[in-house]
Amino acid sequence: MEAIRAGDLRCKFQIQRMTQVVNASGEPIPTPSIWGKPFYGSLDMATGHELPFAKTDVATATYKIKTYYFSGLLPTDLLLLNGRTFSINAIDNVENRNRQLMIYVTEQRTLTPS
């Protein structure tokens, strides 16, 4: 296990979780809400590529986030960082020691032609 240096944890992430809100008719409406406290981690790119799709270019990048261990994170959550949204692919409790998390995420952007 590679140690985490505090100076590497420069990115402040916020967790977004879908919750059910009941409207006036009694119907449950899925609504995104901020969950828990923000956490700091390092963001390292793993892979990336661009694909032409329906006259637009779609860029997909996969990242690895390294942070200290905390509980409660779900694979269905989204991570927010400075207006960017990351969907979680996998969560790894490194060596099952509850010291460090490796979170593998994907960011997808639609590139507009200029």
C-alpha atoms as a PDB file:
ATOM      1  CA  MET A   1       0.000   0.000   0.000  1.00  0.00           C
ATOM      2  CA  GLU A   2       1.384   3.354  -1.031  1.00  0.00           C
ATOM      3  CA  ALA A   3       1.089   5.996   1.691  1.00  0.00           C
ATOM      4  CA  ILE A   4      -1.057   9.083   1.201  1.00  0.00           C
ATOM      5  CA  ARG A   5       0.804  12.362   1.495  1.00  0.00           C
ATOM      6  CA  ALA A   6      -1.391  15.161   2.807  1.00  0.00           C
ATOM      7  CA  GLY A   7      -0.045  17.554   0.165  1.00  0.00           C
ATOM      8  CA  ASP A   8      -1.469  15.338  -2.602  1.00  0.00           C
ATOM      9  CA  LEU A   9      -5.045  15.766  -1.377  1.00  0.00           C
ATOM     10  CA  ARG A  10      -5.711  19.025  -3.216  1.00  0.00           C
ATOM     11  CA  CYS A  11      -9.168  18.385  -4.681  1.00  0.00           C
ATOM     12  CA  LYS A  12     -12.280  19.013  -2.572  1.00  0.00           C
ATOM     13  CA  PHE A  13     -15.078  16.622  -3.585  1.00  0.00           C
ATOM     14  CA  GLN A  14     -18.751  16.758  -2.632  1.00  0.00           C
ATOM     15  CA  ILE A  15     -21.017  13.697  -2.712  1.00  0.00           C
ATOM     16  CA  GLN A  16     -24.350  13.938  -4.509  1.00  0.00           C
ATOM     17  CA  ARG A  17     -26.986  11.288  -3.807  1.00  0.00           C
ATOM     18  CA  MET A  18     -30.412  10.819  -5.345  1.00  0.00           C
ATOM     19  CA  THR A  19     -33.202  11.029  -2.764  1.00  0.00           C
ATOM     20  CA  GLN A  20     -36.959  10.579  -3.094  1.00  0.00           C
ATOM     21  CA  VAL A  21     -39.085  13.687  -2.558  1.00  0.00           C
ATOM     22  CA  VAL A  22     -42.874  13.375  -2.540  1.00  0.00           C
ATOM     23  CA  ASN A  23     -44.703  16.025  -4.574  1.00  0.00           C
ATOM     24  CA  ALA A  24     -48.181  17.473  -3.891  1.00  0.00           C
ATOM     25  CA  SER A  25     -49.849  14.518  -5.676  1.00  0.00           C
ATOM     26  CA  GLY A  26     -48.006  12.004  -3.497  1.00  0.00           C
ATOM     27  CA  GLU A  27     -45.686  10.815  -6.270  1.00  0.00           C
ATOM     28  CA  PRO A  28     -42.028  10.146  -5.407  1.00  0.00           C
ATOM     29  CA  ILE A  29     -39.695  12.341  -7.449  1.00  0.00           C
ATOM     30  CA  PRO A  30     -35.958  11.481  -7.560  1.00  0.00           C
ATOM     31  CA  THR A  31     -34.060  14.610  -6.574  1.00  0.00           C
ATOM     32  CA  PRO A  32     -30.276  15.078  -6.297  1.00  0.00           C
ATOM     33  CA  SER A  33     -29.074  16.309  -2.923  1.00  0.00           C
ATOM     34  CA  ILE A  34     -25.703  16.876  -1.259  1.00  0.00           C
ATOM     35  CA  TRP A  35     -24.813  14.068   1.137  1.00  0.00           C
ATOM     36  CA  GLY A  36     -22.288  14.125   3.974  1.00  0.00           C
ATOM     37  CA  LYS A  37     -19.297  16.378   4.401  1.00  0.00           C
ATOM     38  CA  PRO A  38     -16.884  17.251   1.590  1.00  0.00           C
ATOM     39  CA  PHE A  39     -13.686  15.211   1.424  1.00  0.00           C
ATOM     40  CA  TYR A  40     -10.244  15.869  -0.013  1.00  0.00           C
ATOM     41  CA  GLY A  41      -8.505  13.560  -2.454  1.00  0.00           C
ATOM     42  CA  SER A  42      -6.064  13.379  -5.337  1.00  0.00           C
ATOM     43  CA  LEU A  43      -7.398  13.110  -8.907  1.00  0.00           C
ATOM     44  CA  ASP A  44      -5.230  11.132 -11.336  1.00  0.00           C
ATOM     45  CA  MET A  45      -6.224  10.390 -14.922  1.00  0.00           C
ATOM     46  CA  ALA A  46      -6.219   6.718 -15.911  1.00  0.00           C
ATOM     47  CA  THR A  47      -7.575   6.721 -19.491  1.00  0.00           C
ATOM     48  CA  GLY A  48      -9.399   8.989 -21.893  1.00  0.00           C
ATOM     49  CA  HIS A  49     -10.810   9.011 -25.403  1.00  0.00           C
ATOM     50  CA  GLU A  50     -13.090  10.946 -27.744  1.00  0.00           C
ATOM     51  CA  LEU A  51     -15.794   9.449 -29.944  1.00  0.00           C
ATOM     52  CA  PRO A  52     -17.889  11.072 -32.673  1.00  0.00           C
ATOM     53  CA  PHE A  53     -21.545  10.460 -31.870  1.00  0.00           C
ATOM     54  CA  ALA A  54     -24.532  11.984 -33.710  1.00  0.00           C
ATOM     55  CA  LYS A  55     -22.596  14.970 -35.090  1.00  0.00           C
ATOM     56  CA  THR A  56     -21.076  15.787 -31.693  1.00  0.00           C
ATOM     57  CA  ASP A  57     -17.916  14.597 -30.035  1.00  0.00           C
ATOM     58  CA  VAL A  58     -18.241  12.837 -26.697  1.00  0.00           C
ATOM     59  CA  ALA A  59     -15.150  12.727 -24.495  1.00  0.00           C
ATOM     60  CA  THR A  60     -14.938  10.105 -21.783  1.00  0.00           C
ATOM     61  CA  ALA A  61     -12.188  10.104 -19.184  1.00  0.00           C
ATOM     62  CA  THR A  62     -11.558   7.632 -16.378  1.00  0.00           C
ATOM     63  CA  TYR A  63      -9.892   8.863 -13.195  1.00  0.00           C
ATOM     64  CA  LYS A  64      -8.559   7.386  -9.980  1.00  0.00           C
ATOM     65  CA  ILE A  65      -9.281   9.276  -6.736  1.00  0.00           C
ATOM     66  CA  LYS A  66      -7.141   8.493  -3.708  1.00  0.00           C
ATOM     67  CA  THR A  67      -8.377   9.605  -0.283  1.00  0.00           C
ATOM     68  CA  TYR A  68      -8.474   8.635   3.365  1.00  0.00           C
ATOM     69  CA  TYR A  69     -11.047   5.996   4.333  1.00  0.00           C
ATOM     70  CA  PHE A  70     -14.590   7.014   5.191  1.00  0.00           C
ATOM     71  CA  SER A  71     -17.775   4.943   5.210  1.00  0.00           C
ATOM     72  CA  GLY A  72     -21.117   5.475   3.530  1.00  0.00           C
ATOM     73  CA  LEU A  73     -20.091   6.066  -0.093  1.00  0.00           C
ATOM     74  CA  LEU A  74     -22.243   4.158  -2.599  1.00  0.00           C
ATOM     75  CA  PRO A  75     -21.523   3.224  -6.233  1.00  0.00           C
ATOM     76  CA  THR A  76     -24.748   5.026  -7.212  1.00  0.00           C
ATOM     77  CA  ASP A  77     -23.486   8.366  -5.810  1.00  0.00           C
ATOM     78  CA  LEU A  78     -21.989  11.118  -7.944  1.00  0.00           C
ATOM     79  CA  LEU A  79     -18.914  13.149  -7.029  1.00  0.00           C
ATOM     80  CA  LEU A  80     -18.804  16.891  -7.705  1.00  0.00           C
ATOM     81  CA  LEU A  81     -15.623  18.920  -8.186  1.00  0.00           C
ATOM     82  CA  ASN A  82     -15.655  22.565  -9.344  1.00  0.00           C
ATOM     83  CA  GLY A  83     -18.669  22.138 -11.625  1.00  0.00           C
ATOM     84  CA  ARG A  84     -17.542  18.740 -12.931  1.00  0.00           C
ATOM     85  CA  THR A  85     -19.548  15.561 -12.282  1.00  0.00           C
ATOM     86  CA  PHE A  86     -18.013  12.109 -11.900  1.00  0.00           C
ATOM     87  CA  SER A  87     -19.918   8.821 -11.800  1.00  0.00           C
ATOM     88  CA  ILE A  88     -18.461   6.100  -9.601  1.00  0.00           C
ATOM     89  CA  ASN A  89     -17.341   2.869 -11.283  1.00  0.00           C
ATOM     90  CA  ALA A  90     -15.752   1.133  -8.295  1.00  0.00           C
ATOM     91  CA  ILE A  91     -14.753   1.761  -4.671  1.00  0.00           C
ATOM     92  CA  ASP A  92     -11.730  -0.058  -3.277  1.00  0.00           C
ATOM     93  CA  ASN A  93     -10.927  -0.187   0.446  1.00  0.00           C
ATOM     94  CA  VAL A  94      -7.194  -0.748  -0.076  1.00  0.00           C
ATOM     95  CA  GLU A  95      -6.062  -3.952   1.645  1.00  0.00           C
ATOM     96  CA  ASN A  96      -9.300  -3.850   3.698  1.00  0.00           C
ATOM     97  CA  ARG A  97      -7.536  -1.864   6.413  1.00  0.00           C
ATOM     98  CA  ASN A  98     -10.004   1.078   6.567  1.00  0.00           C
ATOM     99  CA  ARG A  99      -7.135   3.522   5.971  1.00  0.00           C
ATOM    100  CA  GLN A 100      -7.365   4.441   2.320  1.00  0.00           C
ATOM    101  CA  LEU A 101      -9.976   4.464  -0.454  1.00  0.00           C
ATOM    102  CA  MET A 102      -9.342   4.239  -4.188  1.00  0.00           C
ATOM    103  CA  ILE A 103     -12.400   5.448  -6.066  1.00  0.00           C
ATOM    104  CA  TYR A 104     -12.519   4.831  -9.804  1.00  0.00           C
ATOM    105  CA  VAL A 105     -14.730   7.341 -11.606  1.00  0.00           C
ATOM    106  CA  THR A 106     -15.757   8.366 -15.129  1.00  0.00           C
ATOM    107  CA  GLU A 107     -16.390  11.853 -16.449  1.00  0.00           C
ATOM    108  CA  GLN A 108     -18.280  12.277 -19.688  1.00  0.00           C
ATOM    109  CA  ARG A 109     -18.409  15.576 -21.590  1.00  0.00           C
ATOM    110  CA  THR A 110     -20.015  16.572 -24.841  1.00  0.00           C
ATOM    111  CA  LEU A 111     -17.617  18.662 -26.878  1.00  0.00           C
ATOM    112  CA  THR A 112     -19.268  21.424 -28.863  1.00  0.00           C
ATOM    113  CA  PRO A 113     -17.805  22.281 -32.267  1.00  0.00           C
ATOM    114  CA  SER A 114     -16.247  25.728 -32.490  1.00  0.00           C
END
